[in-house]
Amino acid sequence: MKRTCYALVLSLLISVPLQAIAVERSTEAEALALIQKAQEYIKTYGVDKAVIEFNRLDSPFNSVSEINKKGDLYLYTLDQKGYQSVHGKNPKIVGKVMLDMRDQDGVFLIREMVEKCFSKGKGWVNYRWPNPVTRDLEKKKGYVERVPGQDFCLGTGVYY
């Protein structure tokens, strides 16, 4: 009987496609809360310390933590030219101008984010991007928000 149960469970697991296994995803509200915590961090510790903290891959802003419960959020920054002084998941992007970066569908996501941030102060941009948790190309909503008194924006995003 025990073997039959194990065989049944194993056959069910094998027959379920990997895509059907649910991955918990952060919500828009959780993304906005992360940005709020990052804004508070900048206000408390200053831009220089914040840049160091936000670039750490193991920062609570970029990994599983009390403020990033699912670990799929991370921070990045953008100035008006698309320069990124922070990227919490890909250190190769730090220090580069990414204005011409496009997603798989040709969406100039950085251009759209810069436009939203500097014309409206904040906003969401839809595109497709590799999820650092699943490693799959997925739909994403990137959120950017201007940092008060600074010439750059903070960003994060949710996969859906």
N, C-alpha and C. Protein backbone atom coordinates (compact mmCIF):
# COMPACT_ATOMS: atom_id res chain seq x y z
N MET A 1 0.83 -1.20 0.00
CA MET A 1 0.00 0.00 0.00
C MET A 1 0.87 1.26 0.00
N LYS A 2 1.92 1.26 0.84
CA LYS A 2 2.81 2.41 0.93
C LYS A 2 3.48 2.68 -0.42
N ARG A 3 3.92 1.60 -1.09
CA ARG A 3 4.56 1.75 -2.40
C ARG A 3 3.59 2.31 -3.43
N THR A 4 2.35 1.88 -3.36
CA THR A 4 1.34 2.36 -4.28
C THR A 4 1.13 3.86 -4.11
N CYS A 5 1.07 4.31 -2.86
CA CYS A 5 0.91 5.74 -2.59
C CYS A 5 2.09 6.54 -3.10
N TYR A 6 3.32 6.05 -2.84
CA TYR A 6 4.52 6.73 -3.33
C TYR A 6 4.52 6.77 -4.84
N ALA A 7 4.16 5.67 -5.48
CA ALA A 7 4.13 5.61 -6.94
C ALA A 7 3.10 6.59 -7.50
N LEU A 8 1.96 6.70 -6.86
CA LEU A 8 0.92 7.62 -7.31
C LEU A 8 1.39 9.07 -7.18
N VAL A 9 1.97 9.42 -6.04
CA VAL A 9 2.48 10.78 -5.83
C VAL A 9 3.57 11.10 -6.84
N LEU A 10 4.49 10.17 -7.04
CA LEU A 10 5.58 10.38 -7.99
C LEU A 10 5.05 10.56 -9.41
N SER A 11 4.08 9.76 -9.80
CA SER A 11 3.53 9.89 -11.14
C SER A 11 2.82 11.23 -11.32
N LEU A 12 2.14 11.70 -10.28
CA LEU A 12 1.49 13.01 -10.35
C LEU A 12 2.51 14.13 -10.48
N LEU A 13 3.59 14.04 -9.71
CA LEU A 13 4.63 15.07 -9.79
C LEU A 13 5.28 15.11 -11.15
N ILE A 14 5.53 13.95 -11.71
CA ILE A 14 6.17 13.88 -13.02
C ILE A 14 5.25 14.41 -14.11
N SER A 15 3.95 14.18 -13.97
CA SER A 15 3.01 14.59 -15.01
C SER A 15 2.67 16.08 -14.97
N VAL A 16 3.00 16.79 -13.90
CA VAL A 16 2.71 18.22 -13.79
C VAL A 16 3.82 19.01 -14.47
N PRO A 17 3.49 19.78 -15.49
CA PRO A 17 4.53 20.60 -16.13
C PRO A 17 5.14 21.59 -15.13
N LEU A 18 6.40 21.88 -15.30
CA LEU A 18 7.08 22.80 -14.39
C LEU A 18 6.41 24.16 -14.36
N GLN A 19 5.86 24.62 -15.50
CA GLN A 19 5.22 25.92 -15.54
C GLN A 19 3.98 25.96 -14.66
N ALA A 20 3.39 24.80 -14.39
CA ALA A 20 2.16 24.77 -13.60
C ALA A 20 2.43 24.91 -12.11
N ILE A 21 3.68 24.73 -11.71
CA ILE A 21 4.02 24.88 -10.31
C ILE A 21 3.99 26.37 -9.98
N ALA A 22 3.17 26.74 -9.04
CA ALA A 22 2.97 28.15 -8.72
C ALA A 22 4.19 28.75 -8.04
N VAL A 23 4.56 29.92 -8.49
CA VAL A 23 5.63 30.69 -7.88
C VAL A 23 4.97 31.91 -7.25
N GLU A 24 5.19 32.09 -5.96
CA GLU A 24 4.62 33.27 -5.32
C GLU A 24 5.29 34.52 -5.87
N ARG A 25 4.48 35.50 -6.19
CA ARG A 25 4.98 36.73 -6.78
C ARG A 25 4.59 37.92 -5.90
N SER A 26 5.47 38.88 -5.87
CA SER A 26 5.16 40.11 -5.14
C SER A 26 4.06 40.85 -5.87
N THR A 27 3.30 41.61 -5.11
CA THR A 27 2.20 42.40 -5.66
C THR A 27 2.66 43.83 -5.93
N GLU A 28 1.82 44.57 -6.63
CA GLU A 28 2.12 45.99 -6.86
C GLU A 28 2.23 46.72 -5.53
N ALA A 29 1.37 46.38 -4.58
CA ALA A 29 1.41 47.03 -3.26
C ALA A 29 2.74 46.75 -2.56
N GLU A 30 3.24 45.52 -2.68
CA GLU A 30 4.53 45.18 -2.06
C GLU A 30 5.68 45.92 -2.75
N ALA A 31 5.58 46.09 -4.06
CA ALA A 31 6.61 46.85 -4.79
C ALA A 31 6.62 48.31 -4.34
N LEU A 32 5.43 48.88 -4.21
CA LEU A 32 5.34 50.27 -3.75
C LEU A 32 5.86 50.42 -2.32
N ALA A 33 5.60 49.42 -1.48
CA ALA A 33 6.11 49.46 -0.10
C ALA A 33 7.63 49.39 -0.09
N LEU A 34 8.22 48.59 -0.99
CA LEU A 34 9.68 48.49 -1.08
C LEU A 34 10.28 49.84 -1.49
N ILE A 35 9.66 50.49 -2.46
CA ILE A 35 10.14 51.81 -2.88
C ILE A 35 10.04 52.80 -1.73
N GLN A 36 8.96 52.75 -0.99
CA GLN A 36 8.78 53.64 0.17
C GLN A 36 9.90 53.42 1.19
N LYS A 37 10.21 52.16 1.47
CA LYS A 37 11.31 51.84 2.41
C LYS A 37 12.64 52.36 1.86
N ALA A 38 12.84 52.23 0.56
CA ALA A 38 14.08 52.73 -0.06
C ALA A 38 14.16 54.25 0.02
N GLN A 39 13.03 54.92 -0.20
CA GLN A 39 13.00 56.39 -0.07
C GLN A 39 13.36 56.79 1.36
N GLU A 40 12.81 56.08 2.34
CA GLU A 40 13.11 56.36 3.75
C GLU A 40 14.60 56.12 4.04
N TYR A 41 15.16 55.07 3.46
CA TYR A 41 16.57 54.76 3.66
C TYR A 41 17.44 55.91 3.13
N ILE A 42 17.12 56.40 1.94
CA ILE A 42 17.88 57.52 1.37
C ILE A 42 17.77 58.75 2.27
N LYS A 43 16.58 59.03 2.75
CA LYS A 43 16.36 60.20 3.61
C LYS A 43 17.15 60.08 4.91
N THR A 44 17.23 58.86 5.45
CA THR A 44 17.92 58.63 6.73
C THR A 44 19.44 58.58 6.58
N TYR A 45 19.93 57.85 5.58
CA TYR A 45 21.36 57.57 5.46
C TYR A 45 22.07 58.33 4.36
N GLY A 46 21.34 58.98 3.47
CA GLY A 46 21.94 59.71 2.36
C GLY A 46 22.13 58.85 1.12
N VAL A 47 22.34 59.55 0.01
CA VAL A 47 22.44 58.89 -1.29
C VAL A 47 23.64 57.96 -1.37
N ASP A 48 24.81 58.39 -0.90
CA ASP A 48 26.02 57.58 -1.04
C ASP A 48 25.88 56.22 -0.35
N LYS A 49 25.41 56.22 0.89
CA LYS A 49 25.23 54.96 1.62
C LYS A 49 24.12 54.12 0.98
N ALA A 50 23.08 54.79 0.49
CA ALA A 50 21.97 54.07 -0.15
C ALA A 50 22.44 53.36 -1.41
N VAL A 51 23.26 54.01 -2.22
CA VAL A 51 23.77 53.38 -3.44
C VAL A 51 24.54 52.11 -3.10
N ILE A 52 25.36 52.18 -2.08
CA ILE A 52 26.12 50.99 -1.66
C ILE A 52 25.17 49.89 -1.20
N GLU A 53 24.22 50.25 -0.35
CA GLU A 53 23.25 49.27 0.17
C GLU A 53 22.40 48.68 -0.95
N PHE A 54 21.88 49.51 -1.82
CA PHE A 54 20.98 49.04 -2.87
C PHE A 54 21.68 48.21 -3.93
N ASN A 55 23.00 48.32 -4.04
CA ASN A 55 23.75 47.50 -5.00
C ASN A 55 24.16 46.14 -4.43
N ARG A 56 24.02 45.97 -3.13
CA ARG A 56 24.38 44.67 -2.53
C ARG A 56 23.36 43.62 -2.95
N LEU A 57 23.83 42.52 -3.53
CA LEU A 57 22.93 41.45 -3.94
C LEU A 57 22.20 40.85 -2.75
N ASP A 58 22.85 40.86 -1.57
CA ASP A 58 22.22 40.29 -0.38
C ASP A 58 21.50 41.34 0.48
N SER A 59 21.33 42.53 -0.06
CA SER A 59 20.59 43.58 0.65
C SER A 59 19.15 43.11 0.86
N PRO A 60 18.54 43.48 1.98
CA PRO A 60 17.13 43.13 2.19
C PRO A 60 16.20 43.74 1.13
N PHE A 61 16.68 44.73 0.41
CA PHE A 61 15.89 45.30 -0.68
C PHE A 61 15.90 44.40 -1.91
N ASN A 62 16.91 43.53 -2.03
CA ASN A 62 17.11 42.73 -3.24
C ASN A 62 17.02 41.22 -3.04
N SER A 63 16.81 40.78 -1.84
CA SER A 63 16.76 39.35 -1.55
C SER A 63 15.64 39.07 -0.56
N VAL A 64 15.37 37.81 -0.31
CA VAL A 64 14.29 37.45 0.61
C VAL A 64 14.57 38.07 1.97
N SER A 65 13.58 38.84 2.44
CA SER A 65 13.73 39.55 3.71
C SER A 65 12.35 39.96 4.21
N GLU A 66 12.33 40.65 5.30
CA GLU A 66 11.07 41.15 5.84
C GLU A 66 10.41 42.16 4.89
N ILE A 67 11.22 42.92 4.17
CA ILE A 67 10.65 43.92 3.25
C ILE A 67 10.54 43.40 1.81
N ASN A 68 11.04 42.22 1.55
CA ASN A 68 11.01 41.61 0.21
C ASN A 68 10.72 40.12 0.40
N LYS A 69 9.54 39.84 0.89
CA LYS A 69 9.19 38.50 1.37
C LYS A 69 9.35 37.38 0.35
N LYS A 70 9.14 37.66 -0.92
CA LYS A 70 9.22 36.62 -1.94
C LYS A 70 10.57 36.62 -2.67
N GLY A 71 11.36 37.67 -2.44
CA GLY A 71 12.70 37.74 -3.01
C GLY A 71 12.75 38.06 -4.50
N ASP A 72 11.59 38.38 -5.10
CA ASP A 72 11.59 38.65 -6.53
C ASP A 72 11.66 40.14 -6.86
N LEU A 73 11.69 40.99 -5.84
CA LEU A 73 11.85 42.42 -6.05
C LEU A 73 13.33 42.80 -5.95
N TYR A 74 13.71 43.86 -6.61
CA TYR A 74 15.05 44.43 -6.48
C TYR A 74 14.98 45.89 -6.90
N LEU A 75 15.96 46.65 -6.48
CA LEU A 75 15.99 48.08 -6.78
C LEU A 75 16.93 48.40 -7.94
N TYR A 76 16.61 49.47 -8.64
CA TYR A 76 17.51 50.05 -9.64
C TYR A 76 17.27 51.55 -9.64
N THR A 77 18.21 52.28 -10.19
CA THR A 77 18.05 53.73 -10.32
C THR A 77 18.22 54.13 -11.79
N LEU A 78 17.67 55.27 -12.11
CA LEU A 78 17.79 55.85 -13.46
C LEU A 78 17.90 57.36 -13.33
N ASP A 79 18.78 57.95 -14.13
CA ASP A 79 18.75 59.40 -14.24
C ASP A 79 18.11 59.75 -15.59
N GLN A 80 18.09 61.01 -15.97
CA GLN A 80 17.41 61.43 -17.19
C GLN A 80 18.05 60.88 -18.46
N LYS A 81 19.31 60.48 -18.37
CA LYS A 81 19.99 59.93 -19.54
C LYS A 81 19.98 58.40 -19.55
N GLY A 82 19.33 57.79 -18.56
CA GLY A 82 19.28 56.33 -18.49
C GLY A 82 20.46 55.70 -17.77
N TYR A 83 21.25 56.54 -17.10
CA TYR A 83 22.41 56.04 -16.34
C TYR A 83 21.91 55.32 -15.09
N GLN A 84 22.48 54.16 -14.83
CA GLN A 84 22.08 53.37 -13.68
C GLN A 84 23.23 53.25 -12.68
N SER A 85 23.06 53.90 -11.54
CA SER A 85 24.07 53.79 -10.47
C SER A 85 23.75 52.63 -9.55
N VAL A 86 22.56 52.06 -9.68
CA VAL A 86 22.13 50.93 -8.86
C VAL A 86 21.43 49.90 -9.73
N HIS A 87 21.76 48.64 -9.51
CA HIS A 87 20.96 47.52 -10.02
C HIS A 87 21.17 46.37 -9.04
N GLY A 88 20.12 46.04 -8.31
CA GLY A 88 20.20 45.06 -7.23
C GLY A 88 20.27 43.61 -7.63
N LYS A 89 20.20 43.30 -8.91
CA LYS A 89 20.31 41.90 -9.36
C LYS A 89 21.39 41.69 -10.41
N ASN A 90 21.82 42.75 -11.09
CA ASN A 90 22.81 42.59 -12.15
C ASN A 90 23.89 43.66 -12.04
N PRO A 91 24.98 43.35 -11.34
CA PRO A 91 26.05 44.33 -11.16
C PRO A 91 26.68 44.80 -12.48
N LYS A 92 26.54 44.04 -13.56
CA LYS A 92 27.11 44.43 -14.85
C LYS A 92 26.45 45.67 -15.42
N ILE A 93 25.24 45.98 -14.97
CA ILE A 93 24.52 47.15 -15.46
C ILE A 93 24.95 48.43 -14.73
N VAL A 94 25.44 48.29 -13.52
CA VAL A 94 25.81 49.45 -12.71
C VAL A 94 26.88 50.27 -13.42
N GLY A 95 26.62 51.58 -13.50
CA GLY A 95 27.58 52.49 -14.13
C GLY A 95 27.40 52.62 -15.63
N LYS A 96 26.32 52.06 -16.17
CA LYS A 96 26.10 52.13 -17.61
C LYS A 96 24.86 52.95 -17.93
N VAL A 97 24.87 53.51 -19.14
CA VAL A 97 23.71 54.20 -19.68
C VAL A 97 22.90 53.16 -20.45
N MET A 98 21.67 52.93 -20.01
CA MET A 98 20.85 51.85 -20.57
C MET A 98 19.63 52.37 -21.34
N LEU A 99 19.67 53.61 -21.78
CA LEU A 99 18.52 54.25 -22.42
C LEU A 99 18.01 53.48 -23.64
N ASP A 100 18.89 52.85 -24.38
CA ASP A 100 18.49 52.15 -25.60
C ASP A 100 18.15 50.67 -25.37
N MET A 101 18.12 50.24 -24.12
CA MET A 101 17.79 48.85 -23.84
C MET A 101 16.34 48.56 -24.20
N ARG A 102 16.12 47.42 -24.87
CA ARG A 102 14.78 46.99 -25.25
C ARG A 102 14.51 45.60 -24.72
N ASP A 103 13.22 45.31 -24.56
CA ASP A 103 12.85 43.95 -24.20
C ASP A 103 12.71 43.12 -25.48
N GLN A 104 12.28 41.88 -25.34
CA GLN A 104 12.14 40.97 -26.48
C GLN A 104 11.15 41.46 -27.53
N ASP A 105 10.23 42.31 -27.13
CA ASP A 105 9.21 42.83 -28.05
C ASP A 105 9.58 44.19 -28.64
N GLY A 106 10.78 44.68 -28.31
CA GLY A 106 11.22 45.96 -28.84
C GLY A 106 10.82 47.17 -28.00
N VAL A 107 10.26 46.95 -26.82
CA VAL A 107 9.86 48.05 -25.93
C VAL A 107 11.12 48.70 -25.35
N PHE A 108 11.26 50.01 -25.55
CA PHE A 108 12.37 50.77 -24.95
C PHE A 108 11.99 51.06 -23.50
N LEU A 109 12.15 50.08 -22.64
CA LEU A 109 11.65 50.18 -21.28
C LEU A 109 12.32 51.28 -20.47
N ILE A 110 13.59 51.49 -20.62
CA ILE A 110 14.28 52.53 -19.85
C ILE A 110 13.81 53.91 -20.31
N ARG A 111 13.68 54.10 -21.62
CA ARG A 111 13.18 55.38 -22.13
C ARG A 111 11.80 55.68 -21.55
N GLU A 112 10.93 54.67 -21.55
CA GLU A 112 9.57 54.88 -21.02
C GLU A 112 9.60 55.19 -19.53
N MET A 113 10.48 54.50 -18.80
CA MET A 113 10.57 54.75 -17.36
C MET A 113 11.09 56.16 -17.07
N VAL A 114 12.11 56.57 -17.81
CA VAL A 114 12.66 57.92 -17.63
C VAL A 114 11.59 58.95 -17.94
N GLU A 115 10.84 58.75 -19.01
CA GLU A 115 9.79 59.70 -19.38
C GLU A 115 8.74 59.78 -18.28
N LYS A 116 8.29 58.64 -17.76
CA LYS A 116 7.27 58.63 -16.69
C LYS A 116 7.80 59.33 -15.44
N CYS A 117 9.01 58.98 -15.07
CA CYS A 117 9.58 59.50 -13.82
C CYS A 117 9.79 61.01 -13.87
N PHE A 118 10.37 61.49 -14.95
CA PHE A 118 10.73 62.90 -14.99
C PHE A 118 9.61 63.81 -15.48
N SER A 119 8.57 63.25 -16.11
CA SER A 119 7.45 64.11 -16.51
C SER A 119 6.31 64.05 -15.49
N LYS A 120 6.12 62.89 -14.85
CA LYS A 120 5.00 62.72 -13.92
C LYS A 120 5.42 62.45 -12.48
N GLY A 121 6.71 62.20 -12.27
CA GLY A 121 7.20 61.93 -10.92
C GLY A 121 7.17 60.47 -10.52
N LYS A 122 6.36 59.68 -11.23
CA LYS A 122 6.27 58.25 -10.96
C LYS A 122 5.40 57.60 -12.02
N GLY A 123 5.46 56.27 -12.08
CA GLY A 123 4.60 55.57 -13.02
C GLY A 123 5.03 54.14 -13.28
N TRP A 124 4.15 53.41 -13.94
CA TRP A 124 4.35 52.00 -14.29
C TRP A 124 4.61 51.87 -15.78
N VAL A 125 5.49 50.90 -16.15
CA VAL A 125 5.78 50.59 -17.55
C VAL A 125 5.69 49.07 -17.71
N ASN A 126 4.98 48.62 -18.74
CA ASN A 126 4.83 47.19 -19.01
C ASN A 126 5.84 46.72 -20.04
N TYR A 127 6.45 45.56 -19.79
CA TYR A 127 7.42 44.96 -20.70
C TYR A 127 7.62 43.50 -20.32
N ARG A 128 8.49 42.81 -21.02
CA ARG A 128 8.82 41.42 -20.66
C ARG A 128 10.29 41.36 -20.26
N TRP A 129 10.57 40.58 -19.20
CA TRP A 129 11.93 40.56 -18.64
C TRP A 129 12.19 39.21 -17.98
N PRO A 130 13.45 38.76 -17.94
CA PRO A 130 13.75 37.50 -17.25
C PRO A 130 13.51 37.64 -15.74
N ASN A 131 12.74 36.72 -15.19
CA ASN A 131 12.48 36.69 -13.76
C ASN A 131 13.68 36.06 -13.07
N PRO A 132 14.30 36.76 -12.09
CA PRO A 132 15.49 36.21 -11.43
C PRO A 132 15.19 34.97 -10.58
N VAL A 133 13.93 34.73 -10.25
CA VAL A 133 13.56 33.56 -9.46
C VAL A 133 13.30 32.36 -10.36
N THR A 134 12.45 32.54 -11.40
CA THR A 134 12.09 31.42 -12.27
C THR A 134 13.05 31.25 -13.44
N ARG A 135 13.78 32.30 -13.77
CA ARG A 135 14.69 32.35 -14.92
C ARG A 135 13.95 32.34 -16.26
N ASP A 136 12.63 32.51 -16.22
CA ASP A 136 11.82 32.56 -17.43
C ASP A 136 11.59 34.00 -17.86
N LEU A 137 11.40 34.21 -19.18
CA LEU A 137 11.01 35.51 -19.69
C LEU A 137 9.53 35.70 -19.38
N GLU A 138 9.19 36.75 -18.63
CA GLU A 138 7.83 36.94 -18.16
C GLU A 138 7.38 38.38 -18.33
N LYS A 139 6.07 38.58 -18.29
CA LYS A 139 5.52 39.94 -18.29
C LYS A 139 5.90 40.60 -16.97
N LYS A 140 6.24 41.87 -17.07
CA LYS A 140 6.65 42.62 -15.88
C LYS A 140 6.08 44.03 -15.96
N LYS A 141 5.77 44.57 -14.79
CA LYS A 141 5.40 45.97 -14.64
C LYS A 141 6.50 46.63 -13.84
N GLY A 142 7.23 47.53 -14.47
CA GLY A 142 8.27 48.26 -13.76
C GLY A 142 7.69 49.55 -13.20
N TYR A 143 8.06 49.86 -11.98
CA TYR A 143 7.60 51.08 -11.33
C TYR A 143 8.80 51.97 -11.04
N VAL A 144 8.69 53.24 -11.39
CA VAL A 144 9.73 54.22 -11.08
C VAL A 144 9.13 55.39 -10.34
N GLU A 145 9.95 55.98 -9.46
CA GLU A 145 9.50 57.11 -8.65
C GLU A 145 10.68 58.03 -8.40
N ARG A 146 10.47 59.29 -8.61
CA ARG A 146 11.52 60.29 -8.42
C ARG A 146 11.91 60.38 -6.94
N VAL A 147 13.18 60.52 -6.69
CA VAL A 147 13.68 60.71 -5.33
C VAL A 147 13.64 62.22 -5.05
N PRO A 148 12.90 62.64 -4.02
CA PRO A 148 12.77 64.07 -3.73
C PRO A 148 14.15 64.75 -3.56
N GLY A 149 14.29 65.88 -4.24
CA GLY A 149 15.52 66.65 -4.13
C GLY A 149 16.70 66.08 -4.90
N GLN A 150 16.49 65.03 -5.67
CA GLN A 150 17.58 64.38 -6.42
C GLN A 150 17.23 64.35 -7.91
N ASP A 151 18.25 64.10 -8.71
CA ASP A 151 18.05 64.01 -10.16
C ASP A 151 18.06 62.56 -10.63
N PHE A 152 17.42 61.68 -9.85
CA PHE A 152 17.31 60.29 -10.27
C PHE A 152 16.04 59.68 -9.70
N CYS A 153 15.73 58.52 -10.22
CA CYS A 153 14.52 57.79 -9.84
C CYS A 153 14.90 56.44 -9.30
N LEU A 154 14.08 55.94 -8.39
CA LEU A 154 14.19 54.57 -7.89
C LEU A 154 13.19 53.72 -8.66
N GLY A 155 13.56 52.48 -8.90
CA GLY A 155 12.63 51.59 -9.57
C GLY A 155 12.67 50.19 -9.02
N THR A 156 11.57 49.49 -9.23
CA THR A 156 11.44 48.06 -8.96
C THR A 156 10.34 47.57 -9.88
N GLY A 157 9.91 46.34 -9.74
CA GLY A 157 8.84 45.86 -10.60
C GLY A 157 8.31 44.52 -10.15
N VAL A 158 7.14 44.18 -10.70
CA VAL A 158 6.50 42.91 -10.37
C VAL A 158 6.28 42.10 -11.64
N TYR A 159 6.43 40.81 -11.50
CA TYR A 159 6.15 39.89 -12.60
C TYR A 159 4.70 39.43 -12.47
N TYR A 160 4.07 39.21 -13.61
CA TYR A 160 2.68 38.77 -13.59
C TYR A 160 2.38 37.84 -14.74
